[in-house]
Amino acid sequence: MQSLKDALALLEQVEKILNNYTPKSEEDRKLLNMLISKNMKIEAEAYAKYIRV
């Protein structure tokens, strides 16, 4: 089972990728939209767990 530290490290990798990324096409736009949607789901789950602690 992975830990929250592992999840944080993965998010830091995503952040680095985004910082060095320049979208160039409609496909990039679609992928960014999917990333934003996934991030919103992750944030909602994290807030729900945070509130329970």
C-alpha atoms as a PDB file:
ATOM      1  CA  MET A   1       0.000   0.000   0.000  1.00  0.00           C
ATOM      2  CA  GLN A   2       1.336   3.394  -0.942  1.00  0.00           C
ATOM      3  CA  SER A   3       1.539   6.223   1.557  1.00  0.00           C
ATOM      4  CA  LEU A   4       0.488   9.841   1.405  1.00  0.00           C
ATOM      5  CA  LYS A   5       4.185  10.690   1.088  1.00  0.00           C
ATOM      6  CA  ASP A   6       4.249   8.654  -2.145  1.00  0.00           C
ATOM      7  CA  ALA A   7       1.177  10.531  -3.394  1.00  0.00           C
ATOM      8  CA  LEU A   8       2.796  13.863  -2.570  1.00  0.00           C
ATOM      9  CA  ALA A   9       5.945  12.860  -4.477  1.00  0.00           C
ATOM     10  CA  LEU A  10       3.828  11.968  -7.517  1.00  0.00           C
ATOM     11  CA  LEU A  11       2.035  15.312  -7.362  1.00  0.00           C
ATOM     12  CA  GLU A  12       5.392  17.073  -7.215  1.00  0.00           C
ATOM     13  CA  GLN A  13       6.410  15.216 -10.394  1.00  0.00           C
ATOM     14  CA  VAL A  14       3.190  16.351 -12.098  1.00  0.00           C
ATOM     15  CA  GLU A  15       3.908  19.916 -11.000  1.00  0.00           C
ATOM     16  CA  LYS A  16       7.401  19.771 -12.565  1.00  0.00           C
ATOM     17  CA  ILE A  17       5.978  18.406 -15.810  1.00  0.00           C
ATOM     18  CA  LEU A  18       3.378  21.169 -15.989  1.00  0.00           C
ATOM     19  CA  ASN A  19       5.930  23.879 -15.221  1.00  0.00           C
ATOM     20  CA  ASN A  20       8.045  22.765 -18.186  1.00  0.00           C
ATOM     21  CA  TYR A  21       5.160  22.090 -20.572  1.00  0.00           C
ATOM     22  CA  THR A  22       3.858  24.276 -23.378  1.00  0.00           C
ATOM     23  CA  PRO A  23       0.514  23.179 -24.862  1.00  0.00           C
ATOM     24  CA  LYS A  24       0.472  23.273 -28.652  1.00  0.00           C
ATOM     25  CA  SER A  25      -2.585  21.487 -29.932  1.00  0.00           C
ATOM     26  CA  GLU A  26      -6.224  20.678 -29.363  1.00  0.00           C
ATOM     27  CA  GLU A  27      -5.110  17.274 -28.050  1.00  0.00           C
ATOM     28  CA  ASP A  28      -3.015  19.084 -25.423  1.00  0.00           C
ATOM     29  CA  ARG A  29      -6.084  21.112 -24.475  1.00  0.00           C
ATOM     30  CA  LYS A  30      -8.097  17.902 -24.017  1.00  0.00           C
ATOM     31  CA  LEU A  31      -5.370  16.351 -21.884  1.00  0.00           C
ATOM     32  CA  LEU A  32      -5.138  19.474 -19.733  1.00  0.00           C
ATOM     33  CA  ASN A  33      -8.907  19.396 -19.259  1.00  0.00           C
ATOM     34  CA  MET A  34      -8.706  15.754 -18.152  1.00  0.00           C
ATOM     35  CA  LEU A  35      -5.879  16.639 -15.764  1.00  0.00           C
ATOM     36  CA  ILE A  36      -7.894  19.506 -14.277  1.00  0.00           C
ATOM     37  CA  SER A  37     -10.926  17.239 -13.827  1.00  0.00           C
ATOM     38  CA  LYS A  38      -8.836  14.531 -12.158  1.00  0.00           C
ATOM     39  CA  ASN A  39      -7.219  17.111  -9.891  1.00  0.00           C
ATOM     40  CA  MET A  40     -10.628  18.399  -8.790  1.00  0.00           C
ATOM     41  CA  LYS A  41     -11.664  14.844  -7.847  1.00  0.00           C
ATOM     42  CA  ILE A  42      -8.426  14.343  -5.917  1.00  0.00           C
ATOM     43  CA  GLU A  43      -8.898  17.637  -4.059  1.00  0.00           C
ATOM     44  CA  ALA A  44     -12.481  16.749  -3.119  1.00  0.00           C
ATOM     45  CA  GLU A  45     -11.397  13.372  -1.756  1.00  0.00           C
ATOM     46  CA  ALA A  46      -8.492  14.912   0.168  1.00  0.00           C
ATOM     47  CA  TYR A  47     -10.744  17.580   1.735  1.00  0.00           C
ATOM     48  CA  ALA A  48     -13.322  14.943   2.704  1.00  0.00           C
ATOM     49  CA  LYS A  49     -10.665  12.876   4.457  1.00  0.00           C
ATOM     50  CA  TYR A  50      -9.079  15.961   6.043  1.00  0.00           C
ATOM     51  CA  ILE A  51     -12.417  17.016   7.554  1.00  0.00           C
ATOM     52  CA  ARG A  52     -12.892  13.556   9.089  1.00  0.00           C
ATOM     53  CA  VAL A  53      -9.578  13.678  10.984  1.00  0.00           C
END
